[in-house]
Amino acid sequence: MINALKLMKKICVFFINILFTPPENPDRLLIYLSSVVFCLWNLKALKRKTTQPVECSNYLSATMSYSHQSMGSGSRNARGYEFGRTYVVRPKGKHQATLVWLHGLGDNGSSSSQLMESLHLPNIKWICPTAPTRPVSSLGGYTCTAWFDVGEISEDSHDDLEGLDASASHIANLLSSEPADVKVGIGGFSMGAAISLYSATCYALGRYGTGHTYPINLRAVVGLSGWLPGWKSLRNKIECSYEAARRAASLPIILTHGTADDLVPYRFGEKSAQSLGMAGFRQAVFKPYEGLGHYTVPKELDEVVQWLTTRLGLEGSR
């Protein structure tokens, strides 16, 4: 309870600071305002020591209404995790690539699809799933949409391998029915970025953490303001296999991180990029953004658009 209270206070300070230095995208200001209200409400509940769980899912979707071209209902995978609704943004031009985009902690696929629809990438189909709602250790056990359980992000933290594998498997399943001539990739923000990078390591190793075969031929991975789970042992695992080293060397990855990020500290983004490079991911690039907190800005997204256009060889995206 005390840790959760401290976290909520920290988040409130973070969002209040943003209000005095708002992002260029005016739509995000509304989201940040609602987030401040959300945090203050949770603080009040925590101080009362209420026994009712504080829900952090859907607080973003409640602030904005989105329209989508296609959407699917939630599903339960083999490990019993019940995933939320999946939203699909259809390509406006020739379908050349399909990317799964993963939201951050407490968010959902609806807001992800709205963001992806705003990008000038007409040849990409976007699949935006919603994570399961589960207790999250970093929130004192309160329920929230989360791809896996996470406590304090540190070099000594324990990875929730069961949750990581369950989400990586669900994402791979979403890509499994794409046409053979369509390039596929994964990207995400914050916790979504962590799952994207974990999926990249599964692709290189050819298997999940459980040992089951990873079935998808990834062609691009994007991680914004995230971190790499299992980074300590990655190099040894890759070096033990020629095929793993070959796949790692061939996979383009872009990581971006704000130097003022106080939710997922900048040093963990930087360390993740270094660990990927040392493990043999030769095409992994890291882009720092001076003064950027735990959010995205148009300049960052524009660079991701350019990077995807080049790496995936997209037509008519410029």
C-alpha atoms as a PDB file:
ATOM      1  CA  MET A   1       0.000   0.000   0.000  1.00  0.00           C
ATOM      2  CA  ILE A   2       2.777   2.433   0.852  1.00  0.00           C
ATOM      3  CA  ASN A   3       4.627   1.682  -2.384  1.00  0.00           C
ATOM      4  CA  ALA A   4       1.461   2.209  -4.398  1.00  0.00           C
ATOM      5  CA  LEU A   5       0.831   5.526  -2.641  1.00  0.00           C
ATOM      6  CA  LYS A   6       4.339   6.713  -3.424  1.00  0.00           C
ATOM      7  CA  LEU A   7       3.923   5.655  -7.042  1.00  0.00           C
ATOM      8  CA  MET A   8       0.663   7.539  -7.407  1.00  0.00           C
ATOM      9  CA  LYS A   9       2.227  10.671  -5.947  1.00  0.00           C
ATOM     10  CA  LYS A  10       5.104  10.378  -8.389  1.00  0.00           C
ATOM     11  CA  ILE A  11       2.738   9.958 -11.339  1.00  0.00           C
ATOM     12  CA  CYS A  12       0.737  13.007 -10.241  1.00  0.00           C
ATOM     13  CA  VAL A  13       3.879  15.142 -10.104  1.00  0.00           C
ATOM     14  CA  PHE A  14       4.883  13.813 -13.511  1.00  0.00           C
ATOM     15  CA  PHE A  15       1.605  14.747 -15.171  1.00  0.00           C
ATOM     16  CA  ILE A  16       1.400  18.125 -13.454  1.00  0.00           C
ATOM     17  CA  ASN A  17       4.864  18.942 -14.815  1.00  0.00           C
ATOM     18  CA  ILE A  18       3.617  18.059 -18.283  1.00  0.00           C
ATOM     19  CA  LEU A  19       0.806  20.578 -17.971  1.00  0.00           C
ATOM     20  CA  PHE A  20       3.378  23.354 -17.679  1.00  0.00           C
ATOM     21  CA  THR A  21       5.347  22.021 -20.673  1.00  0.00           C
ATOM     22  CA  PRO A  22       2.574  20.494 -22.826  1.00  0.00           C
ATOM     23  CA  PRO A  23       3.402  18.341 -25.881  1.00  0.00           C
ATOM     24  CA  GLU A  24       2.945  19.631 -29.406  1.00  0.00           C
ATOM     25  CA  ASN A  25      -0.029  17.331 -30.027  1.00  0.00           C
ATOM     26  CA  PRO A  26      -3.066  19.054 -28.429  1.00  0.00           C
ATOM     27  CA  ASP A  27      -5.047  15.807 -28.255  1.00  0.00           C
ATOM     28  CA  ARG A  28      -2.565  14.435 -25.741  1.00  0.00           C
ATOM     29  CA  LEU A  29      -3.123  17.381 -23.392  1.00  0.00           C
ATOM     30  CA  LEU A  30      -6.655  16.111 -22.754  1.00  0.00           C
ATOM     31  CA  ILE A  31      -5.261  12.678 -21.952  1.00  0.00           C
ATOM     32  CA  TYR A  32      -2.752  14.134 -19.495  1.00  0.00           C
ATOM     33  CA  LEU A  33      -5.465  16.205 -17.785  1.00  0.00           C
ATOM     34  CA  SER A  34      -7.609  13.103 -17.329  1.00  0.00           C
ATOM     35  CA  SER A  35      -4.585  11.220 -16.028  1.00  0.00           C
ATOM     36  CA  VAL A  36      -4.057  13.816 -13.300  1.00  0.00           C
ATOM     37  CA  VAL A  37      -7.687  13.396 -12.219  1.00  0.00           C
ATOM     38  CA  PHE A  38      -7.237   9.615 -12.284  1.00  0.00           C
ATOM     39  CA  CYS A  39      -4.126   9.769 -10.100  1.00  0.00           C
ATOM     40  CA  LEU A  40      -5.713  12.138  -7.584  1.00  0.00           C
ATOM     41  CA  TRP A  41      -8.743   9.862  -7.313  1.00  0.00           C
ATOM     42  CA  ASN A  42      -6.492   6.882  -6.638  1.00  0.00           C
ATOM     43  CA  LEU A  43      -4.541   8.826  -4.016  1.00  0.00           C
ATOM     44  CA  LYS A  44      -7.739   9.603  -2.174  1.00  0.00           C
ATOM     45  CA  ALA A  45      -8.773   5.944  -2.263  1.00  0.00           C
ATOM     46  CA  LEU A  46      -5.377   4.784  -1.064  1.00  0.00           C
ATOM     47  CA  LYS A  47      -5.325   7.222   1.856  1.00  0.00           C
ATOM     48  CA  ARG A  48      -8.687   5.849   2.981  1.00  0.00           C
ATOM     49  CA  LYS A  49      -7.119   2.365   2.782  1.00  0.00           C
ATOM     50  CA  THR A  50     -10.141   1.159   0.889  1.00  0.00           C
ATOM     51  CA  THR A  51     -10.471  -2.584   0.364  1.00  0.00           C
ATOM     52  CA  GLN A  52     -11.916  -2.116  -3.118  1.00  0.00           C
ATOM     53  CA  PRO A  53      -9.431  -2.586  -6.010  1.00  0.00           C
ATOM     54  CA  VAL A  54      -8.574   0.596  -7.884  1.00  0.00           C
ATOM     55  CA  GLU A  55      -9.041   0.045 -11.583  1.00  0.00           C
ATOM     56  CA  CYS A  56      -6.552   1.825 -13.830  1.00  0.00           C
ATOM     57  CA  SER A  57      -7.737   0.308 -17.091  1.00  0.00           C
ATOM     58  CA  ASN A  58      -9.847   2.309 -19.543  1.00  0.00           C
ATOM     59  CA  TYR A  59      -9.115   5.706 -17.946  1.00  0.00           C
ATOM     60  CA  LEU A  60      -7.624   6.890 -21.222  1.00  0.00           C
ATOM     61  CA  SER A  61     -10.433   5.597 -23.407  1.00  0.00           C
ATOM     62  CA  ALA A  62     -12.993   7.370 -21.233  1.00  0.00           C
ATOM     63  CA  THR A  63     -11.563  10.761 -22.235  1.00  0.00           C
ATOM     64  CA  MET A  64     -11.737  10.409 -26.000  1.00  0.00           C
ATOM     65  CA  SER A  65     -14.071   8.656 -28.462  1.00  0.00           C
ATOM     66  CA  TYR A  66     -12.444   6.780 -31.323  1.00  0.00           C
ATOM     67  CA  SER A  67     -13.712   5.312 -34.583  1.00  0.00           C
ATOM     68  CA  HIS A  68     -12.092   2.202 -36.039  1.00  0.00           C
ATOM     69  CA  GLN A  69     -12.348   0.346 -39.299  1.00  0.00           C
ATOM     70  CA  SER A  70     -12.444  -3.078 -37.690  1.00  0.00           C
ATOM     71  CA  MET A  71     -12.414  -4.592 -34.244  1.00  0.00           C
ATOM     72  CA  GLY A  72     -12.557  -8.026 -32.665  1.00  0.00           C
ATOM     73  CA  SER A  73     -13.607  -9.357 -29.302  1.00  0.00           C
ATOM     74  CA  GLY A  74     -11.188 -10.515 -26.636  1.00  0.00           C
ATOM     75  CA  SER A  75      -9.747 -14.017 -26.505  1.00  0.00           C
ATOM     76  CA  ARG A  76      -8.221 -16.436 -24.029  1.00  0.00           C
ATOM     77  CA  ASN A  77      -4.936 -18.102 -24.929  1.00  0.00           C
ATOM     78  CA  ALA A  78      -3.640 -21.545 -23.994  1.00  0.00           C
ATOM     79  CA  ARG A  79      -2.209 -20.310 -20.686  1.00  0.00           C
ATOM     80  CA  GLY A  80      -5.562 -18.976 -19.543  1.00  0.00           C
ATOM     81  CA  TYR A  81      -4.903 -15.236 -19.892  1.00  0.00           C
ATOM     82  CA  GLU A  82      -7.976 -13.402 -21.122  1.00  0.00           C
ATOM     83  CA  PHE A  83      -6.957 -10.652 -23.523  1.00  0.00           C
ATOM     84  CA  GLY A  84      -9.135  -7.648 -24.258  1.00  0.00           C
ATOM     85  CA  ARG A  85     -10.551  -6.357 -27.507  1.00  0.00           C
ATOM     86  CA  THR A  86      -8.335  -6.126 -30.583  1.00  0.00           C
ATOM     87  CA  TYR A  87      -8.633  -3.132 -32.936  1.00  0.00           C
ATOM     88  CA  VAL A  88      -7.485  -3.154 -36.558  1.00  0.00           C
ATOM     89  CA  VAL A  89      -6.541  -0.191 -38.740  1.00  0.00           C
ATOM     90  CA  ARG A  90      -6.741  -1.205 -42.390  1.00  0.00           C
ATOM     91  CA  PRO A  91      -4.122   0.040 -44.888  1.00  0.00           C
ATOM     92  CA  LYS A  92      -5.256   2.894 -47.098  1.00  0.00           C
ATOM     93  CA  GLY A  93      -2.894   1.855 -49.883  1.00  0.00           C
ATOM     94  CA  LYS A  94      -1.262  -1.377 -51.011  1.00  0.00           C
ATOM     95  CA  HIS A  95      -0.942  -3.804 -48.116  1.00  0.00           C
ATOM     96  CA  GLN A  96       2.806  -4.338 -47.749  1.00  0.00           C
ATOM     97  CA  ALA A  97       3.270  -4.810 -44.020  1.00  0.00           C
ATOM     98  CA  THR A  98       1.375  -5.663 -40.837  1.00  0.00           C
ATOM     99  CA  LEU A  99       2.515  -4.464 -37.435  1.00  0.00           C
ATOM    100  CA  VAL A 100       1.090  -5.258 -34.022  1.00  0.00           C
ATOM    101  CA  TRP A 101       1.211  -2.151 -31.803  1.00  0.00           C
ATOM    102  CA  LEU A 102       1.166  -2.640 -28.027  1.00  0.00           C
ATOM    103  CA  HIS A 103      -0.083  -0.106 -25.508  1.00  0.00           C
ATOM    104  CA  GLY A 104       1.454   0.774 -22.161  1.00  0.00           C
ATOM    105  CA  LEU A 105       0.332  -0.098 -18.641  1.00  0.00           C
ATOM    106  CA  GLY A 106      -3.334   0.734 -18.016  1.00  0.00           C
ATOM    107  CA  ASP A 107      -4.100   1.672 -21.608  1.00  0.00           C
ATOM    108  CA  ASN A 108      -5.950  -0.275 -24.313  1.00  0.00           C
ATOM    109  CA  GLY A 109      -5.932  -1.126 -28.020  1.00  0.00           C
ATOM    110  CA  SER A 110      -8.462   1.579 -28.843  1.00  0.00           C
ATOM    111  CA  SER A 111      -6.119   4.468 -28.085  1.00  0.00           C
ATOM    112  CA  SER A 112      -3.267   2.662 -29.846  1.00  0.00           C
ATOM    113  CA  SER A 113      -5.310   2.316 -33.033  1.00  0.00           C
ATOM    114  CA  GLN A 114      -6.170   6.024 -32.967  1.00  0.00           C
ATOM    115  CA  LEU A 115      -2.482   6.904 -32.764  1.00  0.00           C
ATOM    116  CA  MET A 116      -1.488   4.470 -35.524  1.00  0.00           C
ATOM    117  CA  GLU A 117      -4.261   5.734 -37.783  1.00  0.00           C
ATOM    118  CA  SER A 118      -2.772   9.232 -37.553  1.00  0.00           C
ATOM    119  CA  LEU A 119       0.611   8.118 -38.908  1.00  0.00           C
ATOM    120  CA  HIS A 120       1.351   8.584 -42.589  1.00  0.00           C
ATOM    121  CA  LEU A 121       1.950   4.924 -43.349  1.00  0.00           C
ATOM    122  CA  PRO A 122      -0.788   3.946 -45.847  1.00  0.00           C
ATOM    123  CA  ASN A 123       0.761   0.571 -46.686  1.00  0.00           C
ATOM    124  CA  ILE A 124       0.716  -0.791 -43.134  1.00  0.00           C
ATOM    125  CA  LYS A 125      -2.091  -2.704 -41.481  1.00  0.00           C
ATOM    126  CA  TRP A 126      -2.057  -2.111 -37.719  1.00  0.00           C
ATOM    127  CA  ILE A 127      -3.296  -4.678 -35.217  1.00  0.00           C
ATOM    128  CA  CYS A 128      -3.825  -3.149 -31.775  1.00  0.00           C
ATOM    129  CA  PRO A 129      -4.704  -5.709 -29.072  1.00  0.00           C
ATOM    130  CA  THR A 130      -5.635  -5.011 -25.460  1.00  0.00           C
ATOM    131  CA  ALA A 131      -3.691  -6.629 -22.644  1.00  0.00           C
ATOM    132  CA  PRO A 132      -5.341  -8.786 -19.963  1.00  0.00           C
ATOM    133  CA  THR A 133      -6.534  -7.104 -16.775  1.00  0.00           C
ATOM    134  CA  ARG A 134      -4.444  -8.446 -13.908  1.00  0.00           C
ATOM    135  CA  PRO A 135      -2.965  -7.485 -10.542  1.00  0.00           C
ATOM    136  CA  VAL A 136       0.227  -5.450 -10.969  1.00  0.00           C
ATOM    137  CA  SER A 137       2.929  -5.575  -8.294  1.00  0.00           C
ATOM    138  CA  SER A 138       4.144  -2.030  -8.969  1.00  0.00           C
ATOM    139  CA  LEU A 139       0.626  -0.785  -8.164  1.00  0.00           C
ATOM    140  CA  GLY A 140       0.420  -2.696  -4.906  1.00  0.00           C
ATOM    141  CA  GLY A 141      -1.576  -5.533  -6.473  1.00  0.00           C
ATOM    142  CA  TYR A 142      -4.333  -3.377  -7.959  1.00  0.00           C
ATOM    143  CA  THR A 143      -5.799  -4.593 -11.244  1.00  0.00           C
ATOM    144  CA  CYS A 144      -4.807  -2.948 -14.502  1.00  0.00           C
ATOM    145  CA  THR A 145      -4.391  -3.838 -18.166  1.00  0.00           C
ATOM    146  CA  ALA A 146      -0.854  -5.203 -18.334  1.00  0.00           C
ATOM    147  CA  TRP A 147       1.044  -7.482 -20.713  1.00  0.00           C
ATOM    148  CA  PHE A 148       2.858  -9.070 -17.758  1.00  0.00           C
ATOM    149  CA  ASP A 149       3.370  -8.443 -14.074  1.00  0.00           C
ATOM    150  CA  VAL A 150       6.028  -5.885 -13.212  1.00  0.00           C
ATOM    151  CA  GLY A 151       7.408  -4.621  -9.949  1.00  0.00           C
ATOM    152  CA  GLU A 152      10.069  -1.991  -9.579  1.00  0.00           C
ATOM    153  CA  ILE A 153      12.119  -1.647 -12.763  1.00  0.00           C
ATOM    154  CA  SER A 154      15.704  -2.296 -11.724  1.00  0.00           C
ATOM    155  CA  GLU A 155      18.724  -4.339 -12.737  1.00  0.00           C
ATOM    156  CA  ASP A 156      17.846  -6.917 -10.082  1.00  0.00           C
ATOM    157  CA  SER A 157      14.128  -7.191 -10.843  1.00  0.00           C
ATOM    158  CA  HIS A 158      12.540 -10.588 -11.475  1.00  0.00           C
ATOM    159  CA  ASP A 159      10.973 -11.107 -14.917  1.00  0.00           C
ATOM    160  CA  ASP A 160       7.464 -12.543 -15.139  1.00  0.00           C
ATOM    161  CA  LEU A 161       8.416 -15.138 -17.767  1.00  0.00           C
ATOM    162  CA  GLU A 162       4.988 -16.782 -17.742  1.00  0.00           C
ATOM    163  CA  GLY A 163       3.269 -13.462 -18.447  1.00  0.00           C
ATOM    164  CA  LEU A 164       5.880 -12.465 -21.040  1.00  0.00           C
ATOM    165  CA  ASP A 165       5.486 -15.751 -22.910  1.00  0.00           C
ATOM    166  CA  ALA A 166       1.687 -15.604 -22.771  1.00  0.00           C
ATOM    167  CA  SER A 167       1.609 -12.136 -24.330  1.00  0.00           C
ATOM    168  CA  ALA A 168       4.332 -12.891 -26.882  1.00  0.00           C
ATOM    169  CA  SER A 169       2.400 -16.004 -27.929  1.00  0.00           C
ATOM    170  CA  HIS A 170      -0.865 -14.058 -28.245  1.00  0.00           C
ATOM    171  CA  ILE A 171       0.858 -11.435 -30.417  1.00  0.00           C
ATOM    172  CA  ALA A 172       2.473 -14.078 -32.638  1.00  0.00           C
ATOM    173  CA  ASN A 173      -0.947 -15.675 -33.096  1.00  0.00           C
ATOM    174  CA  LEU A 174      -2.352 -12.335 -34.295  1.00  0.00           C
ATOM    175  CA  LEU A 175       0.325 -12.242 -37.002  1.00  0.00           C
ATOM    176  CA  SER A 176       0.130 -15.914 -37.958  1.00  0.00           C
ATOM    177  CA  SER A 177      -2.620 -15.511 -40.561  1.00  0.00           C
ATOM    178  CA  GLU A 178      -1.036 -12.630 -42.489  1.00  0.00           C
ATOM    179  CA  PRO A 179      -0.288 -13.265 -46.201  1.00  0.00           C
ATOM    180  CA  ALA A 180       3.156 -14.705 -46.982  1.00  0.00           C
ATOM    181  CA  ASP A 181       4.160 -11.676 -49.078  1.00  0.00           C
ATOM    182  CA  VAL A 182       3.372  -9.211 -46.257  1.00  0.00           C
ATOM    183  CA  LYS A 183       6.213  -8.213 -43.913  1.00  0.00           C
ATOM    184  CA  VAL A 184       5.352  -8.382 -40.235  1.00  0.00           C
ATOM    185  CA  GLY A 185       6.644  -6.574 -37.170  1.00  0.00           C
ATOM    186  CA  ILE A 186       5.884  -5.551 -33.598  1.00  0.00           C
ATOM    187  CA  GLY A 187       6.089  -2.222 -31.808  1.00  0.00           C
ATOM    188  CA  GLY A 188       4.904  -0.608 -28.624  1.00  0.00           C
ATOM    189  CA  PHE A 189       5.183   2.028 -25.929  1.00  0.00           C
ATOM    190  CA  SER A 190       6.547   1.495 -22.396  1.00  0.00           C
ATOM    191  CA  MET A 191       5.397  -1.980 -21.268  1.00  0.00           C
ATOM    192  CA  GLY A 192       4.319  -2.563 -24.865  1.00  0.00           C
ATOM    193  CA  ALA A 193       7.879  -1.795 -25.931  1.00  0.00           C
ATOM    194  CA  ALA A 194       9.155  -4.324 -23.392  1.00  0.00           C
ATOM    195  CA  ILE A 195       6.983  -7.050 -24.944  1.00  0.00           C
ATOM    196  CA  SER A 196       8.122  -5.987 -28.431  1.00  0.00           C
ATOM    197  CA  LEU A 197      11.782  -6.359 -27.455  1.00  0.00           C
ATOM    198  CA  TYR A 198      11.086  -9.643 -25.680  1.00  0.00           C
ATOM    199  CA  SER A 199       9.418 -10.910 -28.876  1.00  0.00           C
ATOM    200  CA  ALA A 200      12.548  -9.875 -30.777  1.00  0.00           C
ATOM    201  CA  THR A 201      14.654 -12.099 -28.531  1.00  0.00           C
ATOM    202  CA  CYS A 202      12.168 -14.972 -28.969  1.00  0.00           C
ATOM    203  CA  TYR A 203      12.476 -14.577 -32.740  1.00  0.00           C
ATOM    204  CA  ALA A 204      16.280 -14.628 -32.587  1.00  0.00           C
ATOM    205  CA  LEU A 205      16.386 -17.644 -30.273  1.00  0.00           C
ATOM    206  CA  GLY A 206      13.667 -19.399 -32.264  1.00  0.00           C
ATOM    207  CA  ARG A 207      11.714 -20.184 -29.126  1.00  0.00           C
ATOM    208  CA  TYR A 208       9.806 -18.735 -26.208  1.00  0.00           C
ATOM    209  CA  GLY A 209      11.155 -18.843 -22.677  1.00  0.00           C
ATOM    210  CA  THR A 210       9.220 -22.091 -22.204  1.00  0.00           C
ATOM    211  CA  GLY A 211      11.142 -23.710 -25.055  1.00  0.00           C
ATOM    212  CA  HIS A 212       8.233 -23.825 -27.511  1.00  0.00           C
ATOM    213  CA  THR A 213       9.006 -22.767 -31.087  1.00  0.00           C
ATOM    214  CA  TYR A 214       8.524 -19.112 -31.992  1.00  0.00           C
ATOM    215  CA  PRO A 215       6.659 -19.172 -35.340  1.00  0.00           C
ATOM    216  CA  ILE A 216       6.900 -15.637 -36.755  1.00  0.00           C
ATOM    217  CA  ASN A 217       9.528 -14.200 -39.137  1.00  0.00           C
ATOM    218  CA  LEU A 218       9.827 -10.676 -37.745  1.00  0.00           C
ATOM    219  CA  ARG A 219      11.063  -7.945 -40.072  1.00  0.00           C
ATOM    220  CA  ALA A 220      10.992  -4.896 -37.782  1.00  0.00           C
ATOM    221  CA  VAL A 221      10.675  -4.089 -34.070  1.00  0.00           C
ATOM    222  CA  VAL A 222       9.933  -0.697 -32.491  1.00  0.00           C
ATOM    223  CA  GLY A 223      10.281   0.175 -28.805  1.00  0.00           C
ATOM    224  CA  LEU A 224       9.359   3.605 -27.423  1.00  0.00           C
ATOM    225  CA  SER A 225      10.237   4.449 -23.797  1.00  0.00           C
ATOM    226  CA  GLY A 226      10.622   0.799 -22.842  1.00  0.00           C
ATOM    227  CA  TRP A 227      13.135  -1.758 -21.617  1.00  0.00           C
ATOM    228  CA  LEU A 228      14.396  -5.240 -22.436  1.00  0.00           C
ATOM    229  CA  PRO A 229      13.283  -8.061 -20.119  1.00  0.00           C
ATOM    230  CA  GLY A 230      15.898 -10.754 -19.579  1.00  0.00           C
ATOM    231  CA  TRP A 231      18.764  -8.600 -20.833  1.00  0.00           C
ATOM    232  CA  LYS A 232      21.347 -10.123 -18.468  1.00  0.00           C
ATOM    233  CA  SER A 233      21.319 -13.602 -19.985  1.00  0.00           C
ATOM    234  CA  LEU A 234      20.575 -12.646 -23.597  1.00  0.00           C
ATOM    235  CA  ARG A 235      24.147 -12.514 -24.884  1.00  0.00           C
ATOM    236  CA  ASN A 236      25.021 -15.993 -23.639  1.00  0.00           C
ATOM    237  CA  LYS A 237      21.863 -17.464 -25.158  1.00  0.00           C
ATOM    238  CA  ILE A 238      22.472 -15.877 -28.575  1.00  0.00           C
ATOM    239  CA  GLU A 239      26.161 -16.834 -28.690  1.00  0.00           C
ATOM    240  CA  CYS A 240      25.301 -20.493 -28.110  1.00  0.00           C
ATOM    241  CA  SER A 241      23.537 -20.800 -31.451  1.00  0.00           C
ATOM    242  CA  TYR A 242      24.702 -19.901 -34.962  1.00  0.00           C
ATOM    243  CA  GLU A 243      21.102 -19.595 -36.186  1.00  0.00           C
ATOM    244  CA  ALA A 244      20.188 -17.341 -33.268  1.00  0.00           C
ATOM    245  CA  ALA A 245      23.163 -15.091 -34.005  1.00  0.00           C
ATOM    246  CA  ARG A 246      22.203 -14.945 -37.685  1.00  0.00           C
ATOM    247  CA  ARG A 247      18.596 -14.018 -36.943  1.00  0.00           C
ATOM    248  CA  ALA A 248      19.647 -11.425 -34.351  1.00  0.00           C
ATOM    249  CA  ALA A 249      22.033  -9.768 -36.821  1.00  0.00           C
ATOM    250  CA  SER A 250      19.322  -9.531 -39.489  1.00  0.00           C
ATOM    251  CA  LEU A 251      16.517  -7.972 -37.413  1.00  0.00           C
ATOM    252  CA  PRO A 252      16.095  -4.163 -37.600  1.00  0.00           C
ATOM    253  CA  ILE A 253      15.178  -2.633 -34.221  1.00  0.00           C
ATOM    254  CA  ILE A 254      14.670   0.993 -33.229  1.00  0.00           C
ATOM    255  CA  LEU A 255      14.527   2.131 -29.611  1.00  0.00           C
ATOM    256  CA  THR A 256      13.727   5.679 -28.522  1.00  0.00           C
ATOM    257  CA  HIS A 257      13.791   7.115 -25.008  1.00  0.00           C
ATOM    258  CA  GLY A 258      13.411  10.481 -23.327  1.00  0.00           C
ATOM    259  CA  THR A 259      16.235  11.650 -21.070  1.00  0.00           C
ATOM    260  CA  ALA A 260      13.680  13.054 -18.597  1.00  0.00           C
ATOM    261  CA  ASP A 261      11.616   9.860 -18.325  1.00  0.00           C
ATOM    262  CA  ASP A 262      10.987   9.285 -14.609  1.00  0.00           C
ATOM    263  CA  LEU A 263       8.659   6.277 -14.973  1.00  0.00           C
ATOM    264  CA  VAL A 264      10.947   4.088 -17.074  1.00  0.00           C
ATOM    265  CA  PRO A 265      14.314   5.773 -16.403  1.00  0.00           C
ATOM    266  CA  TYR A 266      16.430   6.672 -19.418  1.00  0.00           C
ATOM    267  CA  ARG A 267      19.327   4.508 -18.257  1.00  0.00           C
ATOM    268  CA  PHE A 268      17.224   1.360 -18.708  1.00  0.00           C
ATOM    269  CA  GLY A 269      16.417   2.251 -22.305  1.00  0.00           C
ATOM    270  CA  GLU A 270      20.089   2.955 -22.951  1.00  0.00           C
ATOM    271  CA  LYS A 271      21.148  -0.247 -21.187  1.00  0.00           C
ATOM    272  CA  SER A 272      18.638  -2.256 -23.218  1.00  0.00           C
ATOM    273  CA  ALA A 273      20.070  -0.922 -26.476  1.00  0.00           C
ATOM    274  CA  GLN A 274      23.607  -1.722 -25.334  1.00  0.00           C
ATOM    275  CA  SER A 275      22.597  -5.245 -24.325  1.00  0.00           C
ATOM    276  CA  LEU A 276      20.985  -5.874 -27.719  1.00  0.00           C
ATOM    277  CA  GLY A 277      24.104  -4.659 -29.489  1.00  0.00           C
ATOM    278  CA  MET A 278      26.406  -6.824 -27.364  1.00  0.00           C
ATOM    279  CA  ALA A 279      24.152  -9.843 -28.019  1.00  0.00           C
ATOM    280  CA  GLY A 280      24.595  -9.437 -31.784  1.00  0.00           C
ATOM    281  CA  PHE A 281      21.564  -7.375 -32.828  1.00  0.00           C
ATOM    282  CA  ARG A 282      23.679  -5.357 -35.249  1.00  0.00           C
ATOM    283  CA  GLN A 283      20.785  -3.401 -36.725  1.00  0.00           C
ATOM    284  CA  ALA A 284      19.498  -2.113 -33.388  1.00  0.00           C
ATOM    285  CA  VAL A 285      19.567   1.691 -33.195  1.00  0.00           C
ATOM    286  CA  PHE A 286      18.951   3.872 -30.145  1.00  0.00           C
ATOM    287  CA  LYS A 287      17.653   7.443 -30.332  1.00  0.00           C
ATOM    288  CA  PRO A 288      17.629   9.600 -27.179  1.00  0.00           C
ATOM    289  CA  TYR A 289      15.337  12.639 -26.910  1.00  0.00           C
ATOM    290  CA  GLU A 290      16.638  15.399 -24.698  1.00  0.00           C
ATOM    291  CA  GLY A 291      14.143  16.575 -22.066  1.00  0.00           C
ATOM    292  CA  LEU A 292      11.407  14.136 -23.141  1.00  0.00           C
ATOM    293  CA  GLY A 293       9.400  12.471 -20.367  1.00  0.00           C
ATOM    294  CA  HIS A 294       7.303   9.311 -20.477  1.00  0.00           C
ATOM    295  CA  TYR A 295       5.258  10.220 -23.542  1.00  0.00           C
ATOM    296  CA  THR A 296       5.648  10.564 -27.296  1.00  0.00           C
ATOM    297  CA  VAL A 297       6.059  13.684 -29.439  1.00  0.00           C
ATOM    298  CA  PRO A 298       5.491  14.239 -33.185  1.00  0.00           C
ATOM    299  CA  LYS A 299       9.246  14.436 -33.943  1.00  0.00           C
ATOM    300  CA  GLU A 300       9.788  11.014 -32.413  1.00  0.00           C
ATOM    301  CA  LEU A 301       6.882   9.462 -34.316  1.00  0.00           C
ATOM    302  CA  ASP A 302       8.047  11.068 -37.572  1.00  0.00           C
ATOM    303  CA  GLU A 303      11.430   9.385 -37.167  1.00  0.00           C
ATOM    304  CA  VAL A 304       9.717   6.048 -36.549  1.00  0.00           C
ATOM    305  CA  VAL A 305       7.661   6.556 -39.726  1.00  0.00           C
ATOM    306  CA  GLN A 306      10.806   7.264 -41.752  1.00  0.00           C
ATOM    307  CA  TRP A 307      12.598   4.299 -40.211  1.00  0.00           C
ATOM    308  CA  LEU A 308       9.737   1.879 -40.973  1.00  0.00           C
ATOM    309  CA  THR A 309       9.397   3.223 -44.513  1.00  0.00           C
ATOM    310  CA  THR A 310      13.080   2.553 -45.182  1.00  0.00           C
ATOM    311  CA  ARG A 311      13.446  -0.753 -43.345  1.00  0.00           C
ATOM    312  CA  LEU A 312      10.271  -2.295 -44.741  1.00  0.00           C
ATOM    313  CA  GLY A 313      10.717  -0.849 -48.236  1.00  0.00           C
ATOM    314  CA  LEU A 314       7.272   0.716 -48.236  1.00  0.00           C
ATOM    315  CA  GLU A 315       5.836   2.405 -51.302  1.00  0.00           C
ATOM    316  CA  GLY A 316       3.916   5.685 -51.349  1.00  0.00           C
ATOM    317  CA  SER A 317       4.510   6.529 -47.685  1.00  0.00           C
ATOM    318  CA  ARG A 318       6.298   9.815 -48.219  1.00  0.00           C
END
